[in-house]
Amino acid sequence: MNIPPDSKKPLVFAFLATLLLGWLILSVPPESPSFNSENAEFNAPNNELVIIQGNALLSISPVAFPRTQVLGVVVAEENKETIEKIIFCESSGRHYDRNGNLLVGDLNHRHQAFGILQFQKRTFLWLASKSERDDLSIHNEQDQIWLFDWAISNNFGYLWTCYNKLKK
């Protein structure tokens, strides 16, 4: 078989690429992710769930702490139903009033409550500090949901009347 000199370059490249790929596959350290095509299982270090579609890595997330969403905010799976019920109880799911202003509750109390989860300002600031998230804003609906998720995950749910009613 006589191969012209110009067509040898792609063959040499393909051969070298195959050798390199083989070397990479054989030199994978034990802590690296591994894929078992027989049962379509992907095992990653640190108990991570890896989602692959086609040849694209879509996400890596901890398996030990399943997450879901409430109004676009990622929350702990075990808190989702509680958060949704508390939101309905506290504000009927509203963060703003009819005029587009932040919903204000407890108008007759010394410490008014604000937004979708009816946080008092002092409680919001205290929990934000405890969660080491001083960047959060009581005016932001997503921040309230995130902080409430953190609060119930850290045993501060008792601060909400609706939470106490739900847990009875």
N, C-alpha and C. Protein backbone atom coordinates (compact mmCIF):
# COMPACT_ATOMS: atom_id res chain seq x y z
N MET A 1 0.84 -1.17 0.00
CA MET A 1 0.00 0.00 0.00
C MET A 1 0.89 1.24 0.00
N ASN A 2 0.67 2.08 -0.98
CA ASN A 2 1.49 3.28 -1.13
C ASN A 2 0.67 4.50 -0.69
N ILE A 3 1.06 5.16 0.44
CA ILE A 3 0.33 6.31 0.98
C ILE A 3 1.10 7.58 0.61
N PRO A 4 0.43 8.55 -0.04
CA PRO A 4 1.09 9.80 -0.37
C PRO A 4 1.56 10.52 0.89
N PRO A 5 2.69 11.26 0.85
CA PRO A 5 3.26 11.92 2.04
C PRO A 5 2.29 12.89 2.72
N ASP A 6 1.44 13.60 1.98
CA ASP A 6 0.53 14.58 2.59
C ASP A 6 -0.55 13.92 3.43
N SER A 7 -0.94 12.72 3.11
CA SER A 7 -2.01 12.06 3.86
C SER A 7 -1.48 11.33 5.09
N LYS A 8 -0.17 11.31 5.32
CA LYS A 8 0.41 10.65 6.50
C LYS A 8 0.21 11.49 7.77
N LYS A 9 0.15 12.82 7.61
CA LYS A 9 0.02 13.70 8.78
C LYS A 9 -1.25 13.40 9.59
N PRO A 10 -2.42 13.30 8.95
CA PRO A 10 -3.62 12.98 9.75
C PRO A 10 -3.53 11.62 10.42
N LEU A 11 -2.92 10.66 9.76
CA LEU A 11 -2.77 9.32 10.36
C LEU A 11 -1.87 9.36 11.58
N VAL A 12 -0.76 10.10 11.47
CA VAL A 12 0.17 10.23 12.59
C VAL A 12 -0.52 10.95 13.75
N PHE A 13 -1.26 12.01 13.44
CA PHE A 13 -1.99 12.75 14.46
C PHE A 13 -3.01 11.85 15.15
N ALA A 14 -3.77 11.08 14.38
CA ALA A 14 -4.77 10.18 14.94
C ALA A 14 -4.11 9.13 15.84
N PHE A 15 -2.99 8.60 15.42
CA PHE A 15 -2.26 7.61 16.20
C PHE A 15 -1.78 8.21 17.52
N LEU A 16 -1.19 9.41 17.45
CA LEU A 16 -0.69 10.06 18.67
C LEU A 16 -1.85 10.43 19.61
N ALA A 17 -2.96 10.89 19.04
CA ALA A 17 -4.12 11.23 19.86
C ALA A 17 -4.66 10.00 20.57
N THR A 18 -4.68 8.86 19.89
CA THR A 18 -5.14 7.61 20.48
C THR A 18 -4.22 7.19 21.62
N LEU A 19 -2.91 7.32 21.42
CA LEU A 19 -1.96 6.99 22.48
C LEU A 19 -2.15 7.90 23.70
N LEU A 20 -2.31 9.20 23.44
CA LEU A 20 -2.50 10.15 24.52
C LEU A 20 -3.80 9.86 25.29
N LEU A 21 -4.87 9.59 24.58
CA LEU A 21 -6.14 9.26 25.21
C LEU A 21 -6.02 8.00 26.06
N GLY A 22 -5.36 6.99 25.54
CA GLY A 22 -5.14 5.75 26.29
C GLY A 22 -4.34 6.01 27.55
N TRP A 23 -3.31 6.84 27.44
CA TRP A 23 -2.48 7.17 28.61
C TRP A 23 -3.31 7.92 29.65
N LEU A 24 -4.14 8.87 29.20
CA LEU A 24 -4.98 9.61 30.13
C LEU A 24 -5.97 8.71 30.85
N ILE A 25 -6.58 7.79 30.13
CA ILE A 25 -7.55 6.88 30.73
C ILE A 25 -6.88 5.98 31.77
N LEU A 26 -5.70 5.49 31.46
CA LEU A 26 -5.00 4.59 32.37
C LEU A 26 -4.39 5.31 33.56
N SER A 27 -4.17 6.62 33.45
CA SER A 27 -3.52 7.35 34.54
C SER A 27 -4.50 8.13 35.40
N VAL A 28 -5.80 7.83 35.32
CA VAL A 28 -6.81 8.52 36.12
C VAL A 28 -6.62 8.12 37.58
N PRO A 29 -6.45 9.11 38.48
CA PRO A 29 -6.30 8.77 39.90
C PRO A 29 -7.60 8.21 40.48
N PRO A 30 -7.53 7.43 41.55
CA PRO A 30 -8.71 6.79 42.10
C PRO A 30 -9.78 7.75 42.60
N GLU A 31 -9.45 9.00 42.98
CA GLU A 31 -10.43 9.95 43.47
C GLU A 31 -11.19 10.66 42.36
N SER A 32 -10.78 10.44 41.11
CA SER A 32 -11.44 11.11 39.99
C SER A 32 -12.78 10.45 39.70
N PRO A 33 -13.67 11.20 39.06
CA PRO A 33 -14.95 10.61 38.69
C PRO A 33 -14.77 9.43 37.74
N SER A 34 -15.65 8.46 37.82
CA SER A 34 -15.59 7.32 36.92
C SER A 34 -16.99 7.04 36.38
N PHE A 35 -17.05 6.58 35.14
CA PHE A 35 -18.33 6.32 34.50
C PHE A 35 -18.41 4.85 34.14
N ASN A 36 -19.50 4.20 34.52
CA ASN A 36 -19.75 2.82 34.20
C ASN A 36 -20.87 2.80 33.16
N SER A 37 -20.52 2.54 31.91
CA SER A 37 -21.51 2.61 30.84
C SER A 37 -22.52 1.47 30.89
N GLU A 38 -22.20 0.39 31.59
CA GLU A 38 -23.12 -0.74 31.68
C GLU A 38 -24.43 -0.35 32.35
N ASN A 39 -24.33 0.36 33.47
CA ASN A 39 -25.56 0.77 34.16
C ASN A 39 -25.71 2.28 34.22
N ALA A 40 -25.00 3.01 33.37
CA ALA A 40 -25.08 4.48 33.26
C ALA A 40 -24.94 5.15 34.62
N GLU A 41 -23.94 4.72 35.37
CA GLU A 41 -23.70 5.28 36.69
C GLU A 41 -22.43 6.10 36.66
N PHE A 42 -22.48 7.29 37.24
CA PHE A 42 -21.32 8.16 37.30
C PHE A 42 -20.98 8.37 38.75
N ASN A 43 -19.80 7.92 39.16
CA ASN A 43 -19.39 8.07 40.55
C ASN A 43 -18.34 9.16 40.65
N ALA A 44 -18.60 10.14 41.49
CA ALA A 44 -17.69 11.26 41.68
C ALA A 44 -17.22 11.27 43.13
N PRO A 45 -16.05 11.86 43.39
CA PRO A 45 -15.57 11.96 44.77
C PRO A 45 -16.50 12.84 45.60
N ASN A 46 -16.42 12.71 46.91
CA ASN A 46 -17.18 13.54 47.86
C ASN A 46 -18.69 13.39 47.72
N ASN A 47 -19.15 12.22 47.31
CA ASN A 47 -20.59 11.95 47.20
C ASN A 47 -21.33 12.98 46.35
N GLU A 48 -20.76 13.34 45.22
CA GLU A 48 -21.40 14.32 44.36
C GLU A 48 -22.22 13.63 43.29
N LEU A 49 -23.34 14.24 42.95
CA LEU A 49 -24.17 13.78 41.86
C LEU A 49 -23.76 14.55 40.62
N VAL A 50 -23.41 13.85 39.57
CA VAL A 50 -22.96 14.49 38.34
C VAL A 50 -23.99 14.20 37.26
N ILE A 51 -24.45 15.24 36.59
CA ILE A 51 -25.44 15.08 35.53
C ILE A 51 -24.78 15.38 34.20
N ILE A 52 -24.84 14.41 33.30
CA ILE A 52 -24.24 14.55 31.98
C ILE A 52 -25.31 14.30 30.93
N GLN A 53 -25.37 15.18 29.94
CA GLN A 53 -26.28 14.98 28.82
C GLN A 53 -25.42 15.01 27.56
N GLY A 54 -25.45 13.90 26.82
CA GLY A 54 -24.58 13.80 25.65
C GLY A 54 -23.14 13.86 26.11
N ASN A 55 -22.39 14.84 25.61
CA ASN A 55 -21.00 14.99 26.04
C ASN A 55 -20.82 16.24 26.88
N ALA A 56 -21.91 16.78 27.45
CA ALA A 56 -21.83 18.01 28.24
C ALA A 56 -22.08 17.73 29.71
N LEU A 57 -21.22 18.29 30.56
CA LEU A 57 -21.40 18.21 32.00
C LEU A 57 -22.41 19.29 32.38
N LEU A 58 -23.58 18.89 32.88
CA LEU A 58 -24.63 19.85 33.20
C LEU A 58 -24.51 20.38 34.62
N SER A 59 -24.21 19.50 35.59
CA SER A 59 -24.10 20.00 36.96
C SER A 59 -23.42 18.98 37.85
N ILE A 60 -22.90 19.49 38.95
CA ILE A 60 -22.34 18.67 40.02
C ILE A 60 -22.93 19.23 41.30
N SER A 61 -23.56 18.38 42.10
CA SER A 61 -24.13 18.85 43.36
C SER A 61 -23.98 17.77 44.42
N PRO A 62 -23.94 18.17 45.70
CA PRO A 62 -23.82 17.18 46.76
C PRO A 62 -25.06 16.31 46.84
N VAL A 63 -24.86 15.02 46.95
CA VAL A 63 -25.97 14.09 47.08
C VAL A 63 -26.54 14.13 48.49
N ALA A 64 -25.69 14.38 49.47
CA ALA A 64 -26.11 14.35 50.87
C ALA A 64 -27.12 15.44 51.20
N PHE A 65 -27.14 16.52 50.44
CA PHE A 65 -28.04 17.62 50.71
C PHE A 65 -28.86 17.95 49.47
N PRO A 66 -29.90 17.15 49.20
CA PRO A 66 -30.72 17.42 48.02
C PRO A 66 -31.33 18.81 48.11
N ARG A 67 -31.35 19.51 46.99
CA ARG A 67 -31.88 20.86 46.95
C ARG A 67 -33.03 20.93 45.96
N THR A 68 -33.91 21.87 46.17
CA THR A 68 -35.03 22.13 45.28
C THR A 68 -35.23 23.63 45.25
N GLN A 69 -36.29 24.09 44.60
CA GLN A 69 -36.50 25.53 44.51
C GLN A 69 -37.87 25.94 45.02
N VAL A 70 -37.90 27.11 45.63
CA VAL A 70 -39.14 27.78 46.02
C VAL A 70 -39.05 29.18 45.43
N LEU A 71 -39.96 29.49 44.51
CA LEU A 71 -39.99 30.79 43.83
C LEU A 71 -38.61 31.17 43.28
N GLY A 72 -37.92 30.20 42.72
CA GLY A 72 -36.63 30.44 42.08
C GLY A 72 -35.44 30.44 43.02
N VAL A 73 -35.65 30.20 44.29
CA VAL A 73 -34.55 30.18 45.26
C VAL A 73 -34.26 28.72 45.61
N VAL A 74 -32.99 28.34 45.55
CA VAL A 74 -32.59 26.98 45.89
C VAL A 74 -32.67 26.82 47.41
N VAL A 75 -33.43 25.81 47.84
CA VAL A 75 -33.62 25.53 49.27
C VAL A 75 -33.39 24.04 49.52
N ALA A 76 -33.21 23.69 50.78
CA ALA A 76 -33.06 22.28 51.16
C ALA A 76 -34.36 21.54 50.86
N GLU A 77 -34.24 20.37 50.27
CA GLU A 77 -35.41 19.55 49.89
C GLU A 77 -36.34 19.34 51.08
N GLU A 78 -35.76 19.07 52.25
CA GLU A 78 -36.60 18.78 53.42
C GLU A 78 -37.34 20.02 53.94
N ASN A 79 -36.94 21.21 53.48
CA ASN A 79 -37.59 22.45 53.93
C ASN A 79 -38.62 22.99 52.95
N LYS A 80 -38.65 22.48 51.74
CA LYS A 80 -39.48 23.04 50.67
C LYS A 80 -40.95 23.18 51.07
N GLU A 81 -41.56 22.11 51.52
CA GLU A 81 -42.98 22.13 51.86
C GLU A 81 -43.25 23.09 53.01
N THR A 82 -42.40 23.07 54.02
CA THR A 82 -42.56 23.98 55.16
C THR A 82 -42.47 25.42 54.71
N ILE A 83 -41.48 25.74 53.88
CA ILE A 83 -41.30 27.11 53.40
C ILE A 83 -42.54 27.57 52.64
N GLU A 84 -43.04 26.72 51.75
CA GLU A 84 -44.23 27.09 50.98
C GLU A 84 -45.42 27.34 51.89
N LYS A 85 -45.62 26.52 52.91
CA LYS A 85 -46.74 26.71 53.83
C LYS A 85 -46.58 27.98 54.66
N ILE A 86 -45.37 28.26 55.10
CA ILE A 86 -45.13 29.45 55.92
C ILE A 86 -45.32 30.71 55.07
N ILE A 87 -44.86 30.68 53.83
CA ILE A 87 -45.06 31.82 52.93
C ILE A 87 -46.55 32.10 52.77
N PHE A 88 -47.34 31.07 52.55
CA PHE A 88 -48.78 31.26 52.40
C PHE A 88 -49.40 31.79 53.69
N CYS A 89 -48.99 31.24 54.82
CA CYS A 89 -49.53 31.66 56.11
C CYS A 89 -49.16 33.11 56.44
N GLU A 90 -47.91 33.48 56.20
CA GLU A 90 -47.42 34.81 56.58
C GLU A 90 -47.93 35.91 55.66
N SER A 91 -47.98 35.65 54.34
CA SER A 91 -48.25 36.75 53.39
C SER A 91 -49.16 36.38 52.23
N SER A 92 -49.71 35.19 52.26
CA SER A 92 -50.49 34.67 51.12
C SER A 92 -49.66 34.66 49.84
N GLY A 93 -48.36 34.56 50.01
CA GLY A 93 -47.46 34.48 48.86
C GLY A 93 -47.12 35.83 48.23
N ARG A 94 -47.46 36.93 48.92
CA ARG A 94 -47.19 38.26 48.36
C ARG A 94 -45.99 38.90 49.06
N HIS A 95 -45.12 39.52 48.27
CA HIS A 95 -43.98 40.25 48.81
C HIS A 95 -44.26 41.75 48.78
N TYR A 96 -45.14 42.15 47.85
CA TYR A 96 -45.49 43.57 47.69
C TYR A 96 -46.99 43.76 47.87
N ASP A 97 -47.37 44.96 48.30
CA ASP A 97 -48.80 45.27 48.42
C ASP A 97 -49.36 45.69 47.06
N ARG A 98 -50.64 46.09 47.03
CA ARG A 98 -51.30 46.47 45.76
C ARG A 98 -50.64 47.65 45.07
N ASN A 99 -49.95 48.48 45.83
CA ASN A 99 -49.30 49.67 45.26
C ASN A 99 -47.85 49.41 44.85
N GLY A 100 -47.40 48.18 44.98
CA GLY A 100 -46.03 47.84 44.59
C GLY A 100 -44.99 48.11 45.67
N ASN A 101 -45.46 48.43 46.88
CA ASN A 101 -44.55 48.66 48.01
C ASN A 101 -44.34 47.35 48.77
N LEU A 102 -43.24 47.27 49.45
CA LEU A 102 -42.94 46.09 50.27
C LEU A 102 -44.10 45.86 51.24
N LEU A 103 -44.61 44.63 51.27
CA LEU A 103 -45.73 44.28 52.14
C LEU A 103 -45.33 44.49 53.60
N VAL A 104 -46.16 45.22 54.33
CA VAL A 104 -45.88 45.49 55.74
C VAL A 104 -46.99 44.87 56.57
N GLY A 105 -46.60 44.10 57.58
CA GLY A 105 -47.55 43.46 58.48
C GLY A 105 -47.30 43.89 59.91
N ASP A 106 -48.10 43.41 60.81
CA ASP A 106 -47.98 43.74 62.23
C ASP A 106 -47.99 45.25 62.44
N LEU A 107 -48.92 45.93 61.77
CA LEU A 107 -48.97 47.40 61.81
C LEU A 107 -49.19 47.94 63.22
N ASN A 108 -49.84 47.17 64.07
CA ASN A 108 -50.12 47.64 65.44
C ASN A 108 -49.06 47.23 66.44
N HIS A 109 -48.02 46.58 65.97
CA HIS A 109 -46.95 46.14 66.87
C HIS A 109 -45.77 47.10 66.81
N ARG A 110 -44.98 47.06 67.85
CA ARG A 110 -43.77 47.90 67.93
C ARG A 110 -42.80 47.57 66.81
N HIS A 111 -42.69 46.28 66.48
CA HIS A 111 -41.77 45.83 65.43
C HIS A 111 -42.59 45.29 64.26
N GLN A 112 -42.68 46.08 63.20
CA GLN A 112 -43.43 45.66 62.02
C GLN A 112 -42.68 44.56 61.29
N ALA A 113 -43.43 43.81 60.48
CA ALA A 113 -42.87 42.71 59.71
C ALA A 113 -43.00 43.04 58.23
N PHE A 114 -42.04 42.54 57.43
CA PHE A 114 -41.97 42.95 56.02
C PHE A 114 -41.82 41.76 55.09
N GLY A 115 -42.47 41.89 53.92
CA GLY A 115 -42.22 40.98 52.81
C GLY A 115 -42.93 39.65 52.89
N ILE A 116 -42.50 38.76 52.01
CA ILE A 116 -43.15 37.46 51.79
C ILE A 116 -43.11 36.57 53.02
N LEU A 117 -42.08 36.72 53.85
CA LEU A 117 -41.97 35.90 55.06
C LEU A 117 -42.14 36.72 56.33
N GLN A 118 -42.57 37.97 56.18
CA GLN A 118 -42.89 38.84 57.31
C GLN A 118 -41.77 38.87 58.36
N PHE A 119 -40.56 39.15 57.89
CA PHE A 119 -39.42 39.33 58.79
C PHE A 119 -39.53 40.66 59.50
N GLN A 120 -39.25 40.67 60.79
CA GLN A 120 -39.00 41.93 61.47
C GLN A 120 -37.57 42.34 61.12
N LYS A 121 -37.31 43.63 61.01
CA LYS A 121 -35.96 44.09 60.61
C LYS A 121 -34.89 43.55 61.55
N ARG A 122 -35.14 43.62 62.84
CA ARG A 122 -34.13 43.17 63.81
C ARG A 122 -33.86 41.68 63.67
N THR A 123 -34.89 40.89 63.42
CA THR A 123 -34.72 39.44 63.24
C THR A 123 -33.96 39.16 61.96
N PHE A 124 -34.31 39.87 60.89
CA PHE A 124 -33.63 39.67 59.60
C PHE A 124 -32.14 39.97 59.74
N LEU A 125 -31.81 41.10 60.33
CA LEU A 125 -30.40 41.50 60.48
C LEU A 125 -29.64 40.52 61.38
N TRP A 126 -30.28 40.07 62.44
CA TRP A 126 -29.64 39.14 63.38
C TRP A 126 -29.35 37.80 62.70
N LEU A 127 -30.36 37.26 61.97
CA LEU A 127 -30.17 35.98 61.28
C LEU A 127 -29.17 36.11 60.13
N ALA A 128 -29.22 37.22 59.42
CA ALA A 128 -28.26 37.43 58.33
C ALA A 128 -26.84 37.43 58.88
N SER A 129 -26.65 38.06 60.03
CA SER A 129 -25.33 38.07 60.66
C SER A 129 -24.92 36.67 61.12
N LYS A 130 -25.85 35.94 61.75
CA LYS A 130 -25.55 34.58 62.20
C LYS A 130 -25.21 33.65 61.03
N SER A 131 -25.86 33.88 59.88
CA SER A 131 -25.61 33.05 58.70
C SER A 131 -24.39 33.52 57.92
N GLU A 132 -23.77 34.60 58.43
CA GLU A 132 -22.60 35.20 57.77
C GLU A 132 -22.93 35.69 56.37
N ARG A 133 -24.14 36.23 56.21
CA ARG A 133 -24.61 36.77 54.94
C ARG A 133 -25.11 38.20 55.14
N ASP A 134 -24.21 39.08 55.50
CA ASP A 134 -24.57 40.47 55.73
C ASP A 134 -24.94 41.20 54.44
N ASP A 135 -24.80 40.53 53.30
CA ASP A 135 -25.14 41.12 52.00
C ASP A 135 -26.64 41.01 51.69
N LEU A 136 -27.40 40.31 52.51
CA LEU A 136 -28.82 40.11 52.26
C LEU A 136 -29.63 41.37 52.55
N SER A 137 -30.75 41.51 51.85
CA SER A 137 -31.64 42.67 52.02
C SER A 137 -33.05 42.19 52.36
N ILE A 138 -33.64 42.78 53.37
CA ILE A 138 -35.01 42.45 53.75
C ILE A 138 -35.99 42.80 52.63
N HIS A 139 -35.62 43.71 51.75
CA HIS A 139 -36.48 44.13 50.64
C HIS A 139 -36.48 43.12 49.49
N ASN A 140 -35.54 42.18 49.50
CA ASN A 140 -35.39 41.22 48.41
C ASN A 140 -36.11 39.91 48.76
N GLU A 141 -37.08 39.54 47.93
CA GLU A 141 -37.87 38.33 48.16
C GLU A 141 -36.99 37.08 48.22
N GLN A 142 -36.05 36.95 47.29
CA GLN A 142 -35.17 35.77 47.26
C GLN A 142 -34.29 35.71 48.50
N ASP A 143 -33.83 36.87 48.98
CA ASP A 143 -33.01 36.90 50.20
C ASP A 143 -33.83 36.43 51.39
N GLN A 144 -35.09 36.84 51.46
CA GLN A 144 -35.94 36.39 52.57
C GLN A 144 -36.12 34.87 52.54
N ILE A 145 -36.36 34.33 51.36
CA ILE A 145 -36.55 32.88 51.25
C ILE A 145 -35.26 32.15 51.61
N TRP A 146 -34.14 32.64 51.10
CA TRP A 146 -32.85 31.99 51.41
C TRP A 146 -32.61 32.01 52.93
N LEU A 147 -32.83 33.17 53.54
CA LEU A 147 -32.55 33.30 54.98
C LEU A 147 -33.52 32.46 55.81
N PHE A 148 -34.78 32.37 55.39
CA PHE A 148 -35.73 31.53 56.12
C PHE A 148 -35.33 30.05 56.01
N ASP A 149 -34.90 29.63 54.83
CA ASP A 149 -34.42 28.25 54.65
C ASP A 149 -33.26 28.00 55.60
N TRP A 150 -32.32 28.94 55.66
CA TRP A 150 -31.18 28.81 56.57
C TRP A 150 -31.68 28.76 58.02
N ALA A 151 -32.64 29.62 58.34
CA ALA A 151 -33.13 29.70 59.71
C ALA A 151 -33.76 28.39 60.17
N ILE A 152 -34.61 27.79 59.33
CA ILE A 152 -35.24 26.54 59.77
C ILE A 152 -34.25 25.38 59.75
N SER A 153 -33.24 25.46 58.89
CA SER A 153 -32.20 24.41 58.90
C SER A 153 -31.33 24.51 60.14
N ASN A 154 -31.32 25.69 60.77
CA ASN A 154 -30.50 25.92 61.96
C ASN A 154 -31.34 26.15 63.22
N ASN A 155 -32.56 25.60 63.20
CA ASN A 155 -33.44 25.59 64.38
C ASN A 155 -33.90 26.97 64.86
N PHE A 156 -34.10 27.90 63.92
CA PHE A 156 -34.63 29.21 64.28
C PHE A 156 -36.06 29.40 63.77
N GLY A 157 -36.70 28.34 63.34
CA GLY A 157 -38.06 28.44 62.83
C GLY A 157 -39.05 28.93 63.88
N TYR A 158 -38.75 28.67 65.15
CA TYR A 158 -39.64 29.07 66.23
C TYR A 158 -39.88 30.58 66.28
N LEU A 159 -39.08 31.35 65.58
CA LEU A 159 -39.24 32.81 65.58
C LEU A 159 -40.47 33.26 64.80
N TRP A 160 -41.10 32.36 64.02
CA TRP A 160 -42.28 32.69 63.23
C TRP A 160 -43.50 32.05 63.87
N THR A 161 -44.54 32.83 64.07
CA THR A 161 -45.79 32.32 64.63
C THR A 161 -46.36 31.22 63.74
N CYS A 162 -46.35 31.43 62.44
CA CYS A 162 -46.89 30.42 61.52
C CYS A 162 -46.12 29.10 61.59
N TYR A 163 -44.82 29.19 61.79
CA TYR A 163 -43.99 27.98 61.92
C TYR A 163 -44.42 27.21 63.16
N ASN A 164 -44.63 27.93 64.26
CA ASN A 164 -45.04 27.27 65.51
C ASN A 164 -46.42 26.62 65.36
N LYS A 165 -47.34 27.29 64.66
CA LYS A 165 -48.66 26.71 64.42
C LYS A 165 -48.55 25.44 63.57
N LEU A 166 -47.70 25.50 62.55
CA LEU A 166 -47.53 24.36 61.64
C LEU A 166 -46.93 23.16 62.36
N LYS A 167 -46.03 23.38 63.26
CA LYS A 167 -45.30 22.29 63.92
C LYS A 167 -46.05 21.71 65.11
N LYS A 168 -47.22 22.28 65.47
CA LYS A 168 -48.00 21.73 66.61
C LYS A 168 -48.65 20.44 66.23
